[in-house]
Every structure is written in C-alpha cells, then in structure tokens.
Amino acid sequence: MRLDKYLKNSRIIKRRTIAKEASENGRVKVNDKVAKPGTEVAEGDIIEIQFGDKLFKAEITNVAEHVTKDGAKEMFRVIED
C-alpha cells in the first residue's frame, strides 16, 4: 500500500493530502530512509514522522484497505512518541 494512503487509513495523519505533503517535504522516513508518498509499505516496516520538534515512531502491524475507526488503532504499534 502507498505510504500516504496507509497514513490516512491508519489515522496517524487525518488527511491524505497532508500525508502527501509531509512525505514530499522529507518529514517521513520508512526504515530509516526518507520516503515519498508513493513508497510501498508492508507489515514490519518502521515509520518515523517529524511533527515540528516532535518525533513519532511506529511499527506497521497491519495493512488494510478498509478499516473502522477502532480497527485503525491496530494497524501500528507506537515505538516512540
């Protein structure tokens, strides 16, 4: 699944356009590499997002196309917040 779509589906970032902008501006890393919005992500990948001076780091535990609000919380495991 594309990175920007995953960030939206998992509700880490609320809108896909914002997820896309964050990726294009180099604020998102997947497995320690700066990622573009179209980067494919899979279970086991580590995502790092820089929100201002805050770093959010999580491991992808599930990749799903359609997910409920409650199910979104199970798509990742927070490592650092």
Protein backbone atom coordinates (compact mmCIF):
# COMPACT_ATOMS: atom_id res chain seq x y z
CA MET A 1 0.00 0.00 0.00
CA ARG A 2 1.18 3.54 -0.71
CA LEU A 3 2.62 5.41 2.25
CA ASP A 4 0.22 8.37 2.02
CA LYS A 5 -2.80 6.06 1.87
CA TYR A 6 -1.53 3.99 4.80
CA LEU A 7 -1.02 7.09 6.97
CA LYS A 8 -4.60 8.17 6.24
CA ASN A 9 -6.19 4.70 6.69
CA SER A 10 -4.37 4.15 9.99
CA ARG A 11 -5.41 7.66 11.07
CA ILE A 12 -1.84 8.58 12.00
CA ILE A 13 -2.47 11.61 9.75
CA LYS A 14 -6.10 12.62 9.23
CA ARG A 15 -6.00 13.58 5.54
CA ARG A 16 -4.22 12.00 2.60
CA THR A 17 -3.24 15.39 1.18
CA ILE A 18 -1.49 16.27 4.46
CA ALA A 19 0.23 12.87 4.48
CA LYS A 20 1.36 13.52 0.92
CA GLU A 21 2.73 16.98 1.79
CA ALA A 22 4.61 15.63 4.83
CA SER A 23 6.21 12.94 2.65
CA GLU A 24 7.12 15.36 -0.13
CA ASN A 25 8.78 17.69 2.40
CA GLY A 26 11.03 14.92 3.73
CA ARG A 27 9.40 14.64 7.16
CA VAL A 28 8.55 10.93 6.81
CA LYS A 29 11.00 8.03 6.90
CA VAL A 30 10.36 4.34 6.30
CA ASN A 31 13.07 2.01 7.64
CA ASP A 32 15.45 4.98 8.16
CA LYS A 33 15.11 6.22 4.56
CA VAL A 34 13.30 9.41 3.53
CA ALA A 35 10.10 8.26 1.83
CA LYS A 36 7.97 9.69 -0.96
CA PRO A 37 4.14 9.49 -0.90
CA GLY A 38 4.16 6.54 -3.32
CA THR A 39 6.59 4.42 -1.30
CA GLU A 40 5.15 0.96 -0.72
CA VAL A 41 4.83 -0.05 2.94
CA ALA A 42 4.33 -3.51 4.44
CA GLU A 43 3.93 -5.15 7.81
CA GLY A 44 7.10 -4.90 9.88
CA ASP A 45 8.23 -1.56 8.39
CA ILE A 46 9.19 1.22 10.81
CA ILE A 47 7.70 4.67 10.13
CA GLU A 48 9.16 7.90 11.56
CA ILE A 49 7.29 11.19 11.20
CA GLN A 50 8.64 14.57 12.28
CA PHE A 51 5.81 16.80 13.62
CA GLY A 52 7.61 20.08 14.32
CA ASP A 53 10.04 19.25 17.12
CA LYS A 54 8.19 16.02 17.99
CA LEU A 55 9.15 12.61 16.59
CA PHE A 56 6.54 9.88 16.11
CA LYS A 57 7.89 6.38 15.50
CA ALA A 58 5.77 3.27 14.94
CA GLU A 59 5.94 -0.25 13.53
CA ILE A 60 3.36 -1.29 10.95
CA THR A 61 1.45 -4.31 12.25
CA ASN A 62 -1.36 -4.48 9.68
CA VAL A 63 -2.02 -3.12 6.19
CA ALA A 64 -5.73 -2.93 5.34
CA GLU A 65 -7.65 -1.14 2.59
CA HIS A 66 -10.89 -0.66 4.54
CA VAL A 67 -10.76 -0.20 8.28
CA THR A 68 -13.04 1.15 11.00
CA LYS A 69 -12.00 3.88 13.42
CA ASP A 70 -11.36 1.29 16.15
CA GLY A 71 -9.53 -1.04 13.75
CA ALA A 72 -7.17 1.76 12.73
CA LYS A 73 -5.50 1.64 16.16
CA GLU A 74 -4.45 -1.95 15.47
CA MET A 75 -2.62 -1.06 12.24
CA PHE A 76 0.50 0.14 14.08
CA ARG A 77 2.41 -0.17 17.34
CA VAL A 78 3.91 3.04 18.76
CA ILE A 79 7.62 2.77 19.48
CA GLU A 80 8.32 6.40 20.35
CA ASP A 81 6.02 9.39 20.73
